[in-house]
């Protein structure tokens, strides 16, 4: 009997050891922007793959690339401009999957500002811009338009925008940075009608860059055991994303259940999930190399001050998704 009990204990211990631990650092706070990962954890998709995944929320003072560099996470969610800029500076980030096929970034302007065409009407205007790595697509866009970001009648004045929509509501800026799935809704919730707004999506302007990709350090891909875990992670994550696309209400509730701040509301998360689904639609997690090249071209089209100075080498790998999508 004692031997049987010891055997059972060892079996249980062995089962516990089999669940491989993996930590994911998000780019921003807990919200439907990351629903696929929370859904995968909640529905047991990670557990089915033998993974024990910890999801770390981000915030204004958290840089995913720094967390990864410091060993605080195995995988991070990051925008490609920030990832490629960090790579050029010496941090060997590699994109292993791209759940987001499209960009949700845009400038939202007050119609009363008279802006109808970015090429001619941005001149002399104040534009709200996010920084902390999110400014790169904007700066590339302005460079392509030939607009200085130092102000003046022939340039634009850049207002360093906080992660809110106050500059537009208080008319401190003619336009502000918004995401289709978040801040644009906040503008509407503040009482400004859609008819009183003009939006310019980066996708429509031909300057969209890839957002919310999954990145690891190059050294991680040299470890076959870690690659095997990443394959399981991406496969389960994409299963979570597809479930979230098809069940936005349930996905939003799962996100809300994981929000320890209590700052989110169900209505806002459902709306966000509905918009996010448009960005992940059609993606199986594989990075489209044409989308990658468009991102690189946009970032290098910065005139005398490009985001990256040379075409990256080894900045993405299909080794994980080739196995995950089989």
Protein backbone atom coordinates (compact mmCIF):
# COMPACT_ATOMS: atom_id res chain seq x y z
CA UNK A 1 0.00 0.00 0.00
CA UNK A 2 2.82 2.39 0.91
CA UNK A 3 4.51 1.64 -2.40
CA UNK A 4 1.27 2.32 -4.28
CA UNK A 5 0.81 5.64 -2.49
CA UNK A 6 4.35 6.67 -3.27
CA UNK A 7 3.83 5.71 -6.90
CA UNK A 8 0.66 7.77 -7.09
CA UNK A 9 2.44 10.73 -5.52
CA UNK A 10 5.24 10.47 -8.04
CA UNK A 11 2.71 10.26 -10.88
CA UNK A 12 0.99 13.39 -9.64
CA UNK A 13 4.31 15.15 -9.24
CA UNK A 14 5.30 14.05 -12.71
CA UNK A 15 2.04 15.38 -14.11
CA UNK A 16 2.67 18.75 -12.48
CA UNK A 17 6.17 18.92 -13.93
CA UNK A 18 4.85 18.18 -17.44
CA UNK A 19 3.00 21.51 -17.58
CA UNK A 20 5.60 23.82 -19.05
CA UNK A 21 5.53 27.32 -17.64
CA UNK A 22 5.49 30.22 -20.09
CA UNK A 23 5.07 33.93 -19.39
CA UNK A 24 3.48 36.36 -21.84
CA UNK A 25 3.95 40.12 -21.42
CA UNK A 26 1.17 42.20 -22.97
CA UNK A 27 1.73 45.57 -24.58
CA UNK A 28 -1.04 47.29 -22.65
CA UNK A 29 -3.56 46.84 -19.86
CA UNK A 30 -6.03 43.98 -19.65
CA UNK A 31 -8.60 44.59 -22.40
CA UNK A 32 -10.14 42.88 -25.43
CA UNK A 33 -7.08 43.84 -27.49
CA UNK A 34 -5.59 40.69 -25.92
CA UNK A 35 -8.77 38.63 -25.69
CA UNK A 36 -7.35 35.67 -27.60
CA UNK A 37 -4.80 34.96 -24.88
CA UNK A 38 -7.23 35.31 -22.00
CA UNK A 39 -9.75 33.13 -23.82
CA UNK A 40 -7.11 30.47 -24.52
CA UNK A 41 -6.26 30.37 -20.82
CA UNK A 42 -9.88 30.47 -19.62
CA UNK A 43 -11.12 27.77 -22.02
CA UNK A 44 -8.22 25.47 -21.19
CA UNK A 45 -6.57 25.63 -24.62
CA UNK A 46 -3.13 26.18 -23.08
CA UNK A 47 -3.71 23.44 -20.54
CA UNK A 48 -4.64 21.04 -23.36
CA UNK A 49 -1.22 21.75 -24.86
CA UNK A 50 0.51 21.04 -21.56
CA UNK A 51 1.29 24.68 -20.86
CA UNK A 52 0.91 26.78 -17.74
CA UNK A 53 0.73 30.31 -19.14
CA UNK A 54 1.03 33.45 -17.03
CA UNK A 55 -0.30 36.61 -18.68
CA UNK A 56 1.24 39.86 -17.46
CA UNK A 57 -0.73 43.04 -18.23
CA UNK A 58 1.16 46.05 -19.51
CA UNK A 59 0.74 49.74 -18.88
CA UNK A 60 2.20 53.19 -19.58
CA UNK A 61 5.34 52.43 -17.58
CA UNK A 62 5.96 48.95 -19.00
CA UNK A 63 8.03 48.42 -22.15
CA UNK A 64 7.56 44.82 -23.35
CA UNK A 65 10.95 44.80 -25.07
CA UNK A 66 12.68 45.73 -21.82
CA UNK A 67 10.76 43.06 -19.92
CA UNK A 68 11.88 40.48 -22.48
CA UNK A 69 15.48 41.68 -22.40
CA UNK A 70 15.48 41.44 -18.61
CA UNK A 71 14.17 37.88 -18.59
CA UNK A 72 10.78 38.82 -17.16
CA UNK A 73 8.84 37.12 -19.96
CA UNK A 74 9.29 34.41 -22.58
CA UNK A 75 7.09 36.07 -25.21
CA UNK A 76 5.86 39.65 -25.62
CA UNK A 77 3.13 41.36 -27.58
CA UNK A 78 4.65 44.34 -29.40
CA UNK A 79 4.14 46.56 -32.42
CA UNK A 80 6.61 45.86 -35.20
CA UNK A 81 7.98 49.45 -35.47
CA UNK A 82 9.08 49.35 -31.84
CA UNK A 83 10.42 45.81 -32.24
CA UNK A 84 12.46 46.63 -35.34
CA UNK A 85 13.80 49.83 -33.80
CA UNK A 86 14.87 47.88 -30.71
CA UNK A 87 16.44 45.21 -32.89
CA UNK A 88 18.51 47.77 -34.77
CA UNK A 89 19.72 49.09 -31.43
CA UNK A 90 21.00 45.66 -30.47
CA UNK A 91 18.13 43.72 -28.88
CA UNK A 92 17.69 40.56 -31.04
CA UNK A 93 13.90 40.45 -31.19
CA UNK A 94 12.28 37.99 -33.59
CA UNK A 95 8.64 37.95 -34.70
CA UNK A 96 7.35 34.37 -34.38
CA UNK A 97 3.65 34.98 -35.12
CA UNK A 98 1.34 37.75 -36.28
CA UNK A 99 -2.26 37.31 -35.04
CA UNK A 100 -3.17 40.86 -36.15
CA UNK A 101 -3.45 41.06 -39.93
CA UNK A 102 -4.52 44.72 -40.08
CA UNK A 103 -3.71 47.94 -38.24
CA UNK A 104 -6.27 49.64 -36.03
CA UNK A 105 -4.38 52.92 -35.82
CA UNK A 106 -5.78 56.20 -37.12
CA UNK A 107 -5.91 59.93 -36.59
CA UNK A 108 -9.30 61.23 -35.53
CA UNK A 109 -9.93 64.90 -36.31
CA UNK A 110 -12.63 67.42 -35.54
CA UNK A 111 -14.46 68.24 -38.76
CA UNK A 112 -14.50 71.90 -37.74
CA UNK A 113 -10.71 71.92 -38.14
CA UNK A 114 -11.24 71.88 -41.90
CA UNK A 115 -9.00 68.88 -42.48
CA UNK A 116 -10.07 66.78 -45.44
CA UNK A 117 -6.74 65.84 -47.03
CA UNK A 118 -3.64 65.04 -44.93
CA UNK A 119 -1.25 66.13 -47.70
CA UNK A 120 -2.53 69.70 -47.70
CA UNK A 121 -4.57 70.26 -44.55
CA UNK A 122 -2.25 69.03 -41.79
CA UNK A 123 0.04 72.04 -42.30
CA UNK A 124 -0.02 74.39 -39.34
CA UNK A 125 -2.13 72.03 -37.26
CA UNK A 126 -1.48 70.45 -33.86
CA UNK A 127 -1.69 66.66 -33.88
CA UNK A 128 -1.80 64.41 -30.85
CA UNK A 129 0.72 61.57 -30.97
CA UNK A 130 1.44 58.66 -28.66
CA UNK A 131 5.08 58.04 -27.84
CA UNK A 132 6.86 55.17 -26.06
CA UNK A 133 7.42 53.48 -29.43
CA UNK A 134 3.97 54.22 -30.85
CA UNK A 135 5.16 57.39 -32.60
CA UNK A 136 7.16 55.61 -35.28
CA UNK A 137 4.37 55.06 -37.84
CA UNK A 138 3.24 58.67 -37.42
CA UNK A 139 6.72 60.11 -37.90
CA UNK A 140 7.21 58.00 -41.03
CA UNK A 141 3.86 59.19 -42.39
CA UNK A 142 4.71 62.84 -41.83
CA UNK A 143 8.09 62.35 -43.49
CA UNK A 144 6.42 60.83 -46.54
CA UNK A 145 4.09 63.83 -46.68
CA UNK A 146 7.11 66.13 -46.47
CA UNK A 147 5.83 67.72 -43.27
CA UNK A 148 8.19 68.84 -40.55
CA UNK A 149 7.18 67.80 -37.03
CA UNK A 150 8.86 70.88 -35.55
CA UNK A 151 5.80 73.10 -36.00
CA UNK A 152 5.46 76.24 -38.07
CA UNK A 153 3.04 77.12 -40.88
CA UNK A 154 4.48 74.46 -43.21
CA UNK A 155 4.78 71.71 -40.64
CA UNK A 156 2.80 70.12 -37.84
CA UNK A 157 3.04 70.70 -34.12
CA UNK A 158 3.25 67.40 -32.26
CA UNK A 159 1.39 67.22 -28.97
CA UNK A 160 2.69 64.37 -26.84
CA UNK A 161 -0.61 62.71 -26.16
CA UNK A 162 -1.43 60.78 -23.05
CA UNK A 163 -3.41 57.59 -23.38
CA UNK A 164 -6.72 59.42 -23.41
CA UNK A 165 -8.75 61.59 -25.78
CA UNK A 166 -8.70 64.82 -23.76
CA UNK A 167 -6.71 66.88 -26.32
CA UNK A 168 -9.53 66.49 -28.84
CA UNK A 169 -12.32 67.07 -26.34
CA UNK A 170 -10.58 70.20 -25.05
CA UNK A 171 -9.64 71.27 -28.60
CA UNK A 172 -5.96 71.34 -27.79
CA UNK A 173 -5.33 69.44 -31.03
CA UNK A 174 -7.06 69.27 -34.37
CA UNK A 175 -6.48 65.51 -34.49
CA UNK A 176 -5.44 62.84 -32.02
CA UNK A 177 -4.17 59.30 -32.23
CA UNK A 178 -6.89 56.70 -31.76
CA UNK A 179 -7.35 53.00 -32.26
CA UNK A 180 -10.43 51.82 -34.10
CA UNK A 181 -11.22 49.52 -31.20
CA UNK A 182 -10.63 51.82 -28.24
CA UNK A 183 -10.10 55.58 -28.20
CA UNK A 184 -12.43 56.28 -31.13
CA UNK A 185 -15.25 54.82 -29.06
CA UNK A 186 -14.17 56.98 -26.13
CA UNK A 187 -14.55 60.08 -28.32
CA UNK A 188 -18.08 59.01 -29.23
CA UNK A 189 -18.87 58.22 -25.59
CA UNK A 190 -17.78 61.74 -24.69
CA UNK A 191 -20.65 63.10 -26.76
CA UNK A 192 -19.02 63.96 -30.10
CA UNK A 193 -21.09 62.68 -33.02
CA UNK A 194 -19.52 60.68 -35.84
CA UNK A 195 -20.71 63.35 -38.27
CA UNK A 196 -18.52 65.86 -36.46
CA UNK A 197 -15.40 63.76 -36.95
CA UNK A 198 -13.03 62.92 -39.80
CA UNK A 199 -10.79 59.86 -39.54
CA UNK A 200 -7.66 58.85 -41.42
CA UNK A 201 -6.79 55.17 -41.02
CA UNK A 202 -3.14 54.31 -41.46
CA UNK A 203 -4.28 51.35 -43.57
CA UNK A 204 -6.08 53.67 -46.01
CA UNK A 205 -3.10 56.04 -46.17
CA UNK A 206 -0.73 53.24 -47.17
CA UNK A 207 1.46 53.70 -44.10
CA UNK A 208 0.07 51.00 -41.82
CA UNK A 209 2.59 48.97 -39.89
CA UNK A 210 2.05 45.64 -38.17
CA UNK A 211 0.73 45.68 -34.63
CA UNK A 212 0.44 43.20 -31.78
CA UNK A 213 2.83 40.55 -33.06
CA UNK A 214 4.43 37.92 -30.83
CA UNK A 215 8.16 38.32 -30.24
CA UNK A 216 10.92 36.34 -28.56
CA UNK A 217 14.67 36.69 -28.32
CA UNK A 218 16.69 35.06 -31.07
CA UNK A 219 18.39 32.81 -28.52
CA UNK A 220 15.00 31.28 -27.65
CA UNK A 221 14.70 29.89 -31.16
CA UNK A 222 18.03 28.11 -30.77
CA UNK A 223 16.51 25.91 -28.07
CA UNK A 224 14.43 23.07 -29.55
CA UNK A 225 12.52 22.52 -26.30
CA UNK A 226 11.52 26.18 -26.15
CA UNK A 227 10.52 26.16 -29.82
CA UNK A 228 8.27 23.17 -29.14
CA UNK A 229 6.61 25.10 -26.30
CA UNK A 230 6.17 28.14 -28.54
CA UNK A 231 4.48 25.99 -31.17
CA UNK A 232 1.99 24.84 -28.54
CA UNK A 233 1.55 28.39 -27.28
CA UNK A 234 0.85 29.89 -30.71
CA UNK A 235 -1.49 27.04 -31.67
CA UNK A 236 -3.53 27.47 -28.49
CA UNK A 237 -3.45 31.27 -28.74
CA UNK A 238 -4.81 31.26 -32.29
CA UNK A 239 -7.53 28.87 -31.17
CA UNK A 240 -8.33 31.44 -28.51
CA UNK A 241 -8.40 34.23 -31.08
CA UNK A 242 -10.77 32.39 -33.38
CA UNK A 243 -13.06 31.58 -30.45
CA UNK A 244 -13.01 35.25 -29.44
CA UNK A 245 -13.87 36.36 -32.98
CA UNK A 246 -16.88 34.06 -33.03
CA UNK A 247 -18.00 34.78 -29.46
CA UNK A 248 -17.31 38.48 -28.77
CA UNK A 249 -19.72 38.75 -25.84
CA UNK A 250 -18.23 35.75 -24.01
CA UNK A 251 -14.69 36.85 -24.85
CA UNK A 252 -15.39 40.32 -23.46
CA UNK A 253 -16.70 38.81 -20.23
CA UNK A 254 -13.57 36.64 -19.90
CA UNK A 255 -11.42 39.75 -20.32
CA UNK A 256 -13.49 41.54 -17.70
CA UNK A 257 -13.05 38.61 -15.30
CA UNK A 258 -9.28 39.02 -15.63
CA UNK A 259 -9.24 42.79 -15.14
CA UNK A 260 -8.04 43.29 -11.59
CA UNK A 261 -8.32 47.07 -11.84
CA UNK A 262 -12.08 47.11 -12.25
CA UNK A 263 -11.64 49.93 -14.77
CA UNK A 264 -13.27 48.18 -17.72
CA UNK A 265 -16.96 47.83 -18.58
CA UNK A 266 -18.66 45.02 -20.45
CA UNK A 267 -20.20 47.27 -23.09
CA UNK A 268 -16.83 48.83 -23.93
CA UNK A 269 -15.11 45.46 -24.07
CA UNK A 270 -17.77 43.98 -26.34
CA UNK A 271 -17.40 46.92 -28.71
CA UNK A 272 -13.63 46.58 -28.57
CA UNK A 273 -13.77 42.85 -29.26
CA UNK A 274 -16.07 43.43 -32.23
CA UNK A 275 -13.53 45.84 -33.75
CA UNK A 276 -10.54 43.68 -32.84
CA UNK A 277 -12.13 40.76 -34.69
CA UNK A 278 -11.85 42.81 -37.90
CA UNK A 279 -8.08 43.07 -37.39
CA UNK A 280 -7.44 39.40 -36.62
CA UNK A 281 -9.84 38.14 -39.29
CA UNK A 282 -8.18 35.87 -41.84
CA UNK A 283 -5.01 35.37 -39.79
CA UNK A 284 -3.83 31.92 -38.75
CA UNK A 285 -0.90 33.52 -36.95
CA UNK A 286 1.51 33.34 -39.88
CA UNK A 287 3.34 36.57 -40.68
CA UNK A 288 2.56 37.70 -44.23
CA UNK A 289 5.91 38.68 -45.70
CA UNK A 290 4.28 41.31 -47.92
CA UNK A 291 2.85 42.97 -44.79
CA UNK A 292 6.27 42.75 -43.18
CA UNK A 293 7.93 44.38 -46.18
CA UNK A 294 5.35 47.17 -46.22
CA UNK A 295 6.14 47.85 -42.58
CA UNK A 296 9.87 47.95 -43.26
CA UNK A 297 9.42 50.21 -46.28
CA UNK A 298 7.24 52.59 -44.28
CA UNK A 299 9.75 52.78 -41.44
CA UNK A 300 12.68 53.37 -43.77
CA UNK A 301 10.86 56.10 -45.69
CA UNK A 302 11.70 58.64 -43.02
CA UNK A 303 13.97 60.86 -45.09
CA UNK A 304 16.91 62.05 -43.02
CA UNK A 305 15.48 60.54 -39.85
CA UNK A 306 14.13 57.05 -40.61
CA UNK A 307 12.92 54.78 -37.81
CA UNK A 308 15.34 52.12 -38.99
CA UNK A 309 18.36 52.86 -41.16
CA UNK A 310 18.75 49.50 -42.89
CA UNK A 311 16.60 46.57 -43.88
CA UNK A 312 16.58 44.13 -40.95
CA UNK A 313 17.92 40.61 -41.26
CA UNK A 314 16.49 37.73 -39.28
CA UNK A 315 13.74 39.86 -37.76
CA UNK A 316 11.08 37.20 -38.25
CA UNK A 317 10.87 33.43 -38.35
CA UNK A 318 8.22 31.01 -39.60
CA UNK A 319 9.68 28.08 -37.67
CA UNK A 320 6.93 28.26 -35.02
CA UNK A 321 3.88 28.95 -37.18
CA UNK A 322 4.88 26.37 -39.79
CA UNK A 323 4.37 23.72 -37.09
CA UNK A 324 1.54 25.45 -35.22
CA UNK A 325 -0.85 25.71 -38.19
CA UNK A 326 -0.43 22.14 -39.45
